[in-house]
Amino acid sequence: MSGNSLNRTEKILILAKTYPSPSAKYGETSCIAGITDRAEMRRIYPVPYRRLEGKYQFSKWQWVEVETYPNTQDIRKESRKIYFDRINLHNVINTKNKWKERMSWAGGIPQIDRFKKETGNEPYLDSGISL
């Protein structure tokens, strides 16, 4: 860790990667969604995925160990940034046994079943998590 008490080393299962989009602030970037080994959702942004060295590029359904820190530009509880040169790749969960292991992790993803009444289209959870 780099000494900041808000930094955490987390093991995250990558669930989704957005298509790279241009950003005036960050250049080409992607947003990554994952779930930690403690079953907490994570939104990782920005990620310059196609500019990462090959040894740092990860796949969907792959475990990664990363140092995360709060994204001060995003108030959602699950949002984090990562250090791109500190990505440790681990195993990819395969589809054997009818996706059994993948489904065990997918079952831990919180489901949003209520919406804010003011707008009708913003996800809402009492915990403030939107993923």
Protein backbone atom coordinates (compact mmCIF):
# COMPACT_ATOMS: atom_id res chain seq x y z
CA MET A 1 0.00 0.00 0.00
CA SER A 2 1.08 3.54 -0.56
CA GLY A 3 0.36 4.74 2.96
CA ASN A 4 -3.09 6.27 2.48
CA SER A 5 -5.53 4.81 5.02
CA LEU A 6 -8.31 4.83 2.39
CA ASN A 7 -6.34 2.56 0.06
CA ARG A 8 -7.23 -1.13 0.16
CA THR A 9 -5.89 -4.22 -1.50
CA GLU A 10 -8.94 -6.03 -2.83
CA LYS A 11 -9.54 -9.24 -4.71
CA ILE A 12 -12.20 -8.53 -7.35
CA LEU A 13 -13.97 -10.82 -9.80
CA ILE A 14 -14.39 -8.91 -13.08
CA LEU A 15 -18.02 -9.13 -14.23
CA ALA A 16 -18.24 -6.57 -17.04
CA LYS A 17 -16.17 -4.11 -19.06
CA THR A 18 -17.71 -1.28 -21.05
CA TYR A 19 -16.69 -0.60 -24.62
CA PRO A 20 -13.85 1.96 -24.58
CA SER A 21 -15.14 5.53 -24.92
CA PRO A 22 -13.31 8.79 -25.53
CA SER A 23 -12.99 11.08 -22.53
CA ALA A 24 -11.71 14.65 -22.60
CA LYS A 25 -10.22 14.17 -19.14
CA TYR A 26 -8.84 10.61 -19.34
CA GLY A 27 -8.47 9.80 -23.05
CA GLU A 28 -9.95 6.49 -24.14
CA THR A 29 -11.36 4.76 -21.08
CA SER A 30 -13.60 1.94 -19.89
CA CYS A 31 -15.66 1.32 -16.78
CA ILE A 32 -15.30 -2.04 -15.03
CA ALA A 33 -17.85 -3.75 -12.79
CA GLY A 34 -16.88 -6.47 -10.36
CA ILE A 35 -17.61 -8.14 -7.06
CA THR A 36 -15.07 -8.56 -4.26
CA ASP A 37 -14.29 -11.79 -2.49
CA ARG A 38 -16.34 -10.28 0.38
CA ALA A 39 -19.36 -9.99 -1.99
CA GLU A 40 -19.19 -6.18 -2.28
CA MET A 41 -19.84 -4.56 -5.64
CA ARG A 42 -17.13 -2.44 -7.26
CA ARG A 43 -17.26 0.11 -10.08
CA ILE A 44 -13.73 0.89 -11.27
CA TYR A 45 -13.33 4.02 -13.37
CA PRO A 46 -11.46 5.25 -15.29
CA VAL A 47 -9.60 2.29 -16.76
CA PRO A 48 -7.51 2.90 -19.90
CA TYR A 49 -7.88 -0.80 -20.70
CA ARG A 50 -6.47 -0.88 -24.24
CA ARG A 51 -3.43 1.12 -23.11
CA LEU A 52 -2.60 -1.26 -20.25
CA GLU A 53 0.47 -3.43 -20.70
CA GLY A 54 -0.49 -7.01 -21.58
CA LYS A 55 0.54 -8.30 -18.15
CA TYR A 56 -2.10 -6.02 -16.60
CA GLN A 57 -4.99 -6.78 -18.99
CA PHE A 58 -7.71 -8.95 -17.48
CA SER A 59 -10.70 -10.89 -18.78
CA LYS A 60 -14.29 -11.04 -17.70
CA TRP A 61 -14.75 -13.65 -14.97
CA GLN A 62 -11.11 -13.28 -13.93
CA TRP A 63 -10.01 -12.62 -10.37
CA VAL A 64 -7.65 -9.68 -9.98
CA GLU A 65 -5.93 -8.30 -6.93
CA VAL A 66 -5.68 -4.51 -7.05
CA GLU A 67 -5.00 -1.60 -4.76
CA THR A 68 -8.15 0.53 -4.72
CA TYR A 69 -8.87 4.00 -3.44
CA PRO A 70 -12.03 6.13 -3.34
CA ASN A 71 -13.07 7.97 -6.50
CA THR A 72 -13.58 11.47 -5.13
CA GLN A 73 -15.40 12.46 -8.33
CA ASP A 74 -18.09 9.82 -7.77
CA ILE A 75 -20.11 9.61 -4.54
CA ARG A 76 -21.43 6.09 -5.14
CA LYS A 77 -20.17 3.78 -2.38
CA GLU A 78 -18.98 1.09 -4.80
CA SER A 79 -16.90 3.44 -6.98
CA ARG A 80 -13.13 3.12 -6.80
CA LYS A 81 -10.01 3.94 -8.76
CA ILE A 82 -7.05 1.59 -9.06
CA TYR A 83 -3.31 1.82 -9.62
CA PHE A 84 -2.86 0.42 -13.14
CA ASP A 85 0.68 -0.83 -12.54
CA ARG A 86 -0.38 -2.86 -9.50
CA ILE A 87 -2.83 -5.31 -11.07
CA ASN A 88 -2.16 -8.94 -10.15
CA LEU A 89 -4.00 -11.38 -12.37
CA HIS A 90 -5.42 -14.57 -10.87
CA ASN A 91 -7.55 -17.42 -12.16
CA VAL A 92 -10.41 -17.13 -14.65
CA ILE A 93 -13.62 -18.84 -13.52
CA ASN A 94 -14.61 -21.26 -16.26
CA THR A 95 -18.02 -22.49 -17.41
CA LYS A 96 -17.62 -26.11 -16.28
CA ASN A 97 -20.48 -27.85 -14.47
CA LYS A 98 -23.11 -25.65 -16.11
CA TRP A 99 -21.49 -22.41 -14.91
CA LYS A 100 -21.77 -23.57 -11.28
CA GLU A 101 -18.89 -21.48 -9.87
CA ARG A 102 -19.82 -18.39 -11.89
CA MET A 103 -23.41 -18.63 -10.75
CA SER A 104 -22.35 -18.92 -7.11
CA TRP A 105 -20.75 -15.46 -7.44
CA ALA A 106 -23.49 -13.99 -9.62
CA GLY A 107 -26.00 -14.92 -6.93
CA GLY A 108 -24.30 -12.47 -4.56
CA ILE A 109 -24.91 -9.46 -6.79
CA PRO A 110 -27.41 -7.08 -5.20
CA GLN A 111 -30.61 -6.54 -7.14
CA ILE A 112 -32.24 -3.14 -7.46
CA ASP A 113 -35.98 -3.49 -7.13
CA ARG A 114 -37.02 0.04 -6.21
CA PHE A 115 -36.69 3.37 -7.98
CA LYS A 116 -36.71 6.94 -6.76
CA LYS A 117 -40.21 8.34 -7.02
CA GLU A 118 -39.01 11.81 -8.08
CA THR A 119 -37.62 10.76 -11.45
CA GLY A 120 -38.75 7.19 -11.91
CA ASN A 121 -35.48 6.16 -13.52
CA GLU A 122 -32.67 6.41 -10.96
CA PRO A 123 -31.69 3.21 -9.19
CA TYR A 124 -32.14 3.37 -5.46
CA LEU A 125 -31.00 1.29 -2.55
CA ASP A 126 -31.06 2.38 1.07
CA SER A 127 -27.33 1.67 1.17
CA GLY A 128 -26.60 4.16 -1.63
CA ILE A 129 -25.22 1.48 -3.94
CA SER A 130 -26.22 1.74 -7.58
CA LEU A 131 -24.47 -1.24 -9.12
